[in-house]
């Protein structure tokens, strides 16, 4: 497979997954607004902080009012990580490899982009219910794309590159969406363990589509340790960090042809170390380190995996 084609499939899937997860970031706060007591201060800048683009937002928009944050993350065409910008990039990647992907994949990513563009142009997000519906539609369209790809594309090298892109993006954003909880601060540390604190963790689980599965695993209470354990270390929930890395490593070894446990090339070693650390770390050790510090380290290591994938497969030098 040409490295250019592999790169485009990889980023097509990362951009679609990123658009979905930006919608999930905003949903965390919207769900908290619905559940929080009246008079509770709204905090929107922490969401921008977790994307790493707070300075850019302040430079262009000043203080983080709710409407400004929602529009910045959703419809700002000059911001490369907004939903509309991610989908524009996804569509351009899909356009460049139309001879490789199925026509159904192209039609789905194109209609996804057009749906978001129409909402951006119409300015129809007039109330909270309309905003929630829009973000629900974004998640649904992303799921449709993943389903169409799995059902209509041959599960060859290209499909596995797409899987790796989607899974690394998902693992990174699950870590970030968990980190959001620690930056949507409670008014006082006295609220830790309170009903309000539990409502925040519940909103977080719902925004990661994890609430029902968390309950069905037998968890009777919502506690920080149990929620973090589920979203980071669970092997069966498809949005947990560990599950994503396990699946991404399997796709990587399908591409390289190396059995899992053997690491011939740097990207396999980098991915293998990350997967092994997730296999053996405990939630108690994570909280001893500090949840934010651990999640920040996870994000850095996933960025390192992404860099190694680029160096190994996409930045190939011409043969002299």
Protein backbone atom coordinates (compact mmCIF):
# COMPACT_ATOMS: atom_id res chain seq x y z
CA UNK A 1 0.00 0.00 0.00
CA UNK A 2 1.25 3.50 -0.82
CA UNK A 3 2.24 5.48 2.28
CA UNK A 4 0.14 8.41 1.00
CA UNK A 5 -2.98 6.23 0.89
CA UNK A 6 -2.31 4.74 4.33
CA UNK A 7 -1.79 8.22 5.76
CA UNK A 8 -5.09 9.46 4.32
CA UNK A 9 -7.08 6.49 5.66
CA UNK A 10 -5.44 6.92 9.07
CA UNK A 11 -6.31 10.63 9.27
CA UNK A 12 -9.75 10.23 7.73
CA UNK A 13 -10.67 8.07 10.71
CA UNK A 14 -8.88 10.24 13.27
CA UNK A 15 -10.71 13.36 12.08
CA UNK A 16 -14.15 11.72 12.15
CA UNK A 17 -13.48 10.36 15.64
CA UNK A 18 -12.15 13.75 16.76
CA UNK A 19 -15.32 15.50 15.60
CA UNK A 20 -17.39 13.05 17.63
CA UNK A 21 -15.27 13.53 20.73
CA UNK A 22 -15.37 17.32 20.55
CA UNK A 23 -19.15 16.93 20.69
CA UNK A 24 -18.69 14.74 23.75
CA UNK A 25 -16.51 17.39 25.45
CA UNK A 26 -19.28 19.97 25.17
CA UNK A 27 -21.91 17.43 26.22
CA UNK A 28 -20.12 16.92 29.54
CA UNK A 29 -20.79 20.52 30.49
CA UNK A 30 -24.30 20.62 29.02
CA UNK A 31 -25.30 17.53 31.01
CA UNK A 32 -23.85 19.11 34.15
CA UNK A 33 -25.90 22.26 33.55
CA UNK A 34 -29.06 20.16 33.40
CA UNK A 35 -28.26 18.33 36.64
CA UNK A 36 -26.57 21.02 38.72
CA UNK A 37 -28.45 23.10 41.31
CA UNK A 38 -29.72 26.52 40.22
CA UNK A 39 -27.22 29.27 40.81
CA UNK A 40 -24.24 27.01 40.19
CA UNK A 41 -21.59 28.92 38.23
CA UNK A 42 -21.08 27.77 34.66
CA UNK A 43 -17.50 26.97 33.70
CA UNK A 44 -16.71 26.68 30.00
CA UNK A 45 -13.03 27.62 29.68
CA UNK A 46 -11.87 24.33 31.28
CA UNK A 47 -13.19 22.51 28.19
CA UNK A 48 -11.01 24.68 25.95
CA UNK A 49 -8.11 24.09 28.35
CA UNK A 50 -8.30 20.33 27.83
CA UNK A 51 -7.99 20.77 24.05
CA UNK A 52 -4.74 22.71 24.57
CA UNK A 53 -6.10 25.76 22.72
CA UNK A 54 -7.13 28.10 25.54
CA UNK A 55 -4.63 30.82 24.58
CA UNK A 56 -5.91 30.80 20.98
CA UNK A 57 -9.51 31.03 22.19
CA UNK A 58 -8.77 33.96 24.53
CA UNK A 59 -6.83 35.75 21.82
CA UNK A 60 -9.80 35.58 19.47
CA UNK A 61 -12.82 35.59 21.78
CA UNK A 62 -11.82 36.87 25.21
CA UNK A 63 -13.67 35.31 28.13
CA UNK A 64 -15.23 31.87 27.82
CA UNK A 65 -18.98 32.48 27.65
CA UNK A 66 -21.08 29.42 26.81
CA UNK A 67 -22.17 30.49 23.31
CA UNK A 68 -18.63 31.53 22.34
CA UNK A 69 -17.17 28.19 23.46
CA UNK A 70 -19.85 26.13 21.69
CA UNK A 71 -19.40 28.01 18.43
CA UNK A 72 -15.59 27.95 18.67
CA UNK A 73 -15.53 24.18 19.16
CA UNK A 74 -18.28 23.46 16.65
CA UNK A 75 -18.23 25.92 13.75
CA UNK A 76 -15.03 27.99 13.75
CA UNK A 77 -13.55 27.26 10.31
CA UNK A 78 -10.27 28.95 11.26
CA UNK A 79 -9.82 26.64 14.26
CA UNK A 80 -8.40 23.31 12.97
CA UNK A 81 -9.91 21.18 15.76
CA UNK A 82 -13.49 22.43 15.51
CA UNK A 83 -16.10 19.90 14.41
CA UNK A 84 -16.61 21.53 11.02
CA UNK A 85 -12.83 21.81 10.41
CA UNK A 86 -12.26 18.15 11.36
CA UNK A 87 -14.96 17.04 8.95
CA UNK A 88 -13.63 19.26 6.17
CA UNK A 89 -10.22 17.60 6.62
CA UNK A 90 -11.83 14.15 6.79
CA UNK A 91 -13.70 14.80 3.54
CA UNK A 92 -10.54 16.00 1.79
CA UNK A 93 -8.68 12.87 2.87
CA UNK A 94 -11.59 10.73 1.66
CA UNK A 95 -11.68 12.60 -1.66
CA UNK A 96 -7.99 11.89 -2.28
CA UNK A 97 -8.45 8.10 -1.87
CA UNK A 98 -11.88 7.54 -3.41
CA UNK A 99 -10.42 4.72 -5.52
CA UNK A 100 -9.50 2.84 -2.30
CA UNK A 101 -12.47 3.39 0.01
CA UNK A 102 -16.04 2.29 -0.74
CA UNK A 103 -18.52 4.71 -2.32
CA UNK A 104 -20.71 4.33 0.79
CA UNK A 105 -17.85 5.64 2.97
CA UNK A 106 -17.44 8.67 0.73
CA UNK A 107 -21.18 9.38 0.73
CA UNK A 108 -21.37 9.11 4.52
CA UNK A 109 -18.44 11.43 5.30
CA UNK A 110 -19.68 13.90 2.68
CA UNK A 111 -23.23 13.97 4.08
CA UNK A 112 -21.81 14.29 7.62
CA UNK A 113 -19.83 17.38 6.59
CA UNK A 114 -22.80 18.91 4.79
CA UNK A 115 -25.07 18.35 7.81
CA UNK A 116 -22.70 20.21 10.13
CA UNK A 117 -22.10 22.97 7.55
CA UNK A 118 -25.84 23.56 7.14
CA UNK A 119 -26.33 23.92 10.90
CA UNK A 120 -23.36 26.32 11.06
CA UNK A 121 -24.79 28.49 8.27
CA UNK A 122 -28.37 28.47 9.57
CA UNK A 123 -27.43 29.35 13.13
CA UNK A 124 -30.28 27.14 14.30
CA UNK A 125 -28.81 26.32 17.74
CA UNK A 126 -31.29 28.63 19.45
CA UNK A 127 -31.86 26.73 22.69
CA UNK A 128 -30.39 23.97 24.84
CA UNK A 129 -32.54 21.22 23.31
CA UNK A 130 -31.38 22.17 19.79
CA UNK A 131 -27.74 22.17 20.94
CA UNK A 132 -28.09 18.74 22.55
CA UNK A 133 -29.81 17.37 19.43
CA UNK A 134 -27.00 18.68 17.23
CA UNK A 135 -24.29 17.02 19.32
CA UNK A 136 -26.34 13.82 19.41
CA UNK A 137 -26.53 13.92 15.60
CA UNK A 138 -22.76 14.40 15.38
CA UNK A 139 -22.18 11.28 17.47
CA UNK A 140 -24.70 9.29 15.43
CA UNK A 141 -23.13 10.32 12.11
CA UNK A 142 -19.70 9.29 13.39
CA UNK A 143 -21.07 5.89 14.42
CA UNK A 144 -22.66 5.51 11.00
CA UNK A 145 -19.32 6.18 9.31
CA UNK A 146 -17.55 3.58 11.47
CA UNK A 147 -20.28 1.04 10.74
CA UNK A 148 -20.26 1.72 7.00
CA UNK A 149 -16.48 1.37 6.88
CA UNK A 150 -16.55 -1.95 8.76
CA UNK A 151 -19.35 -3.31 6.55
CA UNK A 152 -18.21 -2.14 3.11
CA UNK A 153 -14.38 -1.96 3.12
CA UNK A 154 -12.14 -5.00 2.78
CA UNK A 155 -10.40 -5.63 6.12
CA UNK A 156 -6.93 -5.30 4.62
CA UNK A 157 -3.97 -3.07 5.50
CA UNK A 158 -5.94 0.08 4.72
CA UNK A 159 -8.77 -0.91 7.05
CA UNK A 160 -6.27 -1.62 9.84
CA UNK A 161 -4.64 1.81 9.38
CA UNK A 162 -8.10 3.32 9.75
CA UNK A 163 -8.71 1.29 12.90
CA UNK A 164 -5.43 2.45 14.45
CA UNK A 165 -6.27 6.08 13.68
CA UNK A 166 -9.75 5.82 15.18
CA UNK A 167 -8.61 3.93 18.28
CA UNK A 168 -5.67 6.16 19.14
CA UNK A 169 -7.86 9.24 18.75
CA UNK A 170 -10.57 7.64 20.90
CA UNK A 171 -8.13 6.62 23.65
CA UNK A 172 -6.64 10.13 23.73
CA UNK A 173 -10.06 11.77 23.94
CA UNK A 174 -11.33 9.37 26.62
CA UNK A 175 -8.32 10.41 28.71
CA UNK A 176 -9.08 14.06 28.02
CA UNK A 177 -12.81 13.76 28.72
CA UNK A 178 -11.93 12.17 32.07
CA UNK A 179 -9.50 15.01 32.69
CA UNK A 180 -12.35 17.50 32.09
CA UNK A 181 -13.87 16.40 35.40
CA UNK A 182 -10.82 17.66 37.25
CA UNK A 183 -10.99 21.07 35.57
CA UNK A 184 -14.71 21.70 35.90
CA UNK A 185 -13.99 22.52 39.49
CA UNK A 186 -16.40 22.24 42.38
CA UNK A 187 -16.94 25.43 44.43
CA UNK A 188 -15.15 23.85 47.39
CA UNK A 189 -13.24 20.68 48.23
CA UNK A 190 -16.00 20.10 50.79
CA UNK A 191 -18.23 19.05 47.85
CA UNK A 192 -16.02 16.04 47.06
CA UNK A 193 -18.12 12.93 47.70
CA UNK A 194 -21.33 14.95 47.79
CA UNK A 195 -24.43 14.50 45.62
CA UNK A 196 -23.16 17.25 43.32
CA UNK A 197 -19.84 15.44 42.91
CA UNK A 198 -21.70 12.23 42.03
CA UNK A 199 -23.82 14.11 39.48
CA UNK A 200 -20.63 15.31 37.79
CA UNK A 201 -19.21 11.79 37.54
CA UNK A 202 -22.56 10.55 36.24
CA UNK A 203 -22.59 13.27 33.56
CA UNK A 204 -19.06 12.27 32.60
CA UNK A 205 -20.05 8.61 32.19
CA UNK A 206 -23.08 9.55 30.08
CA UNK A 207 -20.99 11.75 27.80
CA UNK A 208 -18.60 8.84 27.21
CA UNK A 209 -21.63 6.57 26.50
CA UNK A 210 -20.42 4.58 29.49
CA UNK A 211 -23.11 5.06 32.15
CA UNK A 212 -25.25 2.00 31.36
CA UNK A 213 -22.27 -0.31 30.85
CA UNK A 214 -20.71 0.96 34.09
CA UNK A 215 -23.92 0.10 35.95
CA UNK A 216 -24.29 -3.30 34.24
CA UNK A 217 -20.85 -4.41 35.37
CA UNK A 218 -22.27 -4.49 38.90
CA UNK A 219 -21.12 -1.11 40.21
CA UNK A 220 -23.54 0.02 42.92
CA UNK A 221 -22.02 3.42 43.55
CA UNK A 222 -20.41 6.05 41.38
CA UNK A 223 -17.01 6.81 42.87
CA UNK A 224 -13.95 8.50 41.30
CA UNK A 225 -11.82 5.36 41.65
CA UNK A 226 -14.41 3.09 40.06
CA UNK A 227 -15.20 5.47 37.18
CA UNK A 228 -11.52 6.07 36.41
CA UNK A 229 -10.83 2.32 36.61
CA UNK A 230 -13.66 1.65 34.12
CA UNK A 231 -12.68 4.38 31.62
CA UNK A 232 -8.92 3.72 31.78
CA UNK A 233 -8.35 0.04 32.53
CA UNK A 234 -11.46 -1.94 31.50
CA UNK A 235 -10.62 -4.43 28.73
CA UNK A 236 -14.15 -4.92 27.37
CA UNK A 237 -15.71 -1.44 27.18
CA UNK A 238 -14.81 -0.17 23.66
CA UNK A 239 -14.13 3.43 24.70
CA UNK A 240 -11.77 2.65 27.59
CA UNK A 241 -8.14 3.62 27.05
CA UNK A 242 -6.82 0.10 27.60
CA UNK A 243 -9.35 -1.51 25.25
CA UNK A 244 -8.49 0.98 22.50
CA UNK A 245 -4.74 0.40 22.85
CA UNK A 246 -5.22 -3.39 22.86
CA UNK A 247 -7.22 -3.25 19.62
CA UNK A 248 -4.83 -0.75 18.02
CA UNK A 249 -1.86 -3.00 18.79
CA UNK A 250 -3.61 -5.95 17.16
CA UNK A 251 -4.19 -3.94 13.99
CA UNK A 252 -0.57 -2.76 14.04
CA UNK A 253 0.68 -6.35 14.13
CA UNK A 254 -1.71 -7.27 11.31
CA UNK A 255 0.02 -4.59 9.21
CA UNK A 256 3.60 -5.50 10.16
CA UNK A 257 3.05 -9.27 10.19
CA UNK A 258 4.88 -9.55 13.52
CA UNK A 259 3.24 -11.73 16.22
CA UNK A 260 2.19 -9.85 19.35
CA UNK A 261 5.05 -10.20 21.84
CA UNK A 262 7.72 -9.69 19.17
CA UNK A 263 8.75 -6.10 18.44
CA UNK A 264 10.95 -5.65 15.40
CA UNK A 265 10.40 -1.97 14.73
CA UNK A 266 10.24 1.12 16.99
CA UNK A 267 6.49 1.72 16.65
CA UNK A 268 5.79 -1.84 17.86
CA UNK A 269 8.02 -1.33 20.89
CA UNK A 270 6.41 2.02 21.72
CA UNK A 271 2.89 0.62 21.40
CA UNK A 272 3.86 -2.56 23.27
CA UNK A 273 5.28 -0.66 26.25
CA UNK A 274 2.15 1.45 26.52
CA UNK A 275 -0.11 -1.62 26.33
CA UNK A 276 2.02 -3.52 28.87
CA UNK A 277 1.96 -0.63 31.34
CA UNK A 278 -1.84 -0.48 31.07
CA UNK A 279 -1.96 -4.25 31.65
CA UNK A 280 -0.08 -4.04 34.94
CA UNK A 281 -0.90 -0.67 36.50
CA UNK A 282 -3.61 -0.55 39.17
CA UNK A 283 -6.11 2.21 39.81
CA UNK A 284 -4.59 2.68 43.28
CA UNK A 285 -1.20 3.38 41.70
CA UNK A 286 -2.81 5.83 39.27
CA UNK A 287 -4.38 7.84 42.10
CA UNK A 288 -1.11 7.76 44.06
CA UNK A 289 0.57 9.34 41.03
CA UNK A 290 -2.33 11.78 40.65
CA UNK A 291 -5.12 11.23 38.14
CA UNK A 292 -4.40 14.39 36.15
CA UNK A 293 -0.66 13.68 36.05
CA UNK A 294 -1.25 10.09 34.93
CA UNK A 295 -3.72 11.12 32.21
CA UNK A 296 -1.34 13.83 31.01
CA UNK A 297 1.42 11.23 30.75
CA UNK A 298 -0.90 8.87 28.85
CA UNK A 299 -1.69 11.59 26.31
CA UNK A 300 2.04 12.27 25.80
CA UNK A 301 2.70 8.57 25.23
CA UNK A 302 -0.14 8.29 22.73
CA UNK A 303 1.32 11.29 20.89
CA UNK A 304 4.63 9.38 20.83
CA UNK A 305 2.86 6.36 19.26
CA UNK A 306 1.38 8.67 16.62
CA UNK A 307 4.86 10.09 15.87
CA UNK A 308 6.33 6.60 15.51
CA UNK A 309 3.51 5.57 13.15
CA UNK A 310 4.29 8.61 11.00
CA UNK A 311 8.03 7.90 10.98
CA UNK A 312 7.56 4.18 10.24
CA UNK A 313 4.81 4.21 7.61
CA UNK A 314 4.14 7.68 6.25
CA UNK A 315 7.47 9.56 6.17
CA UNK A 316 9.18 7.08 3.90
CA UNK A 317 12.27 8.33 2.09
CA UNK A 318 12.69 7.60 -1.63
CA UNK A 319 15.17 4.86 -2.48
CA UNK A 320 18.42 6.35 -3.77
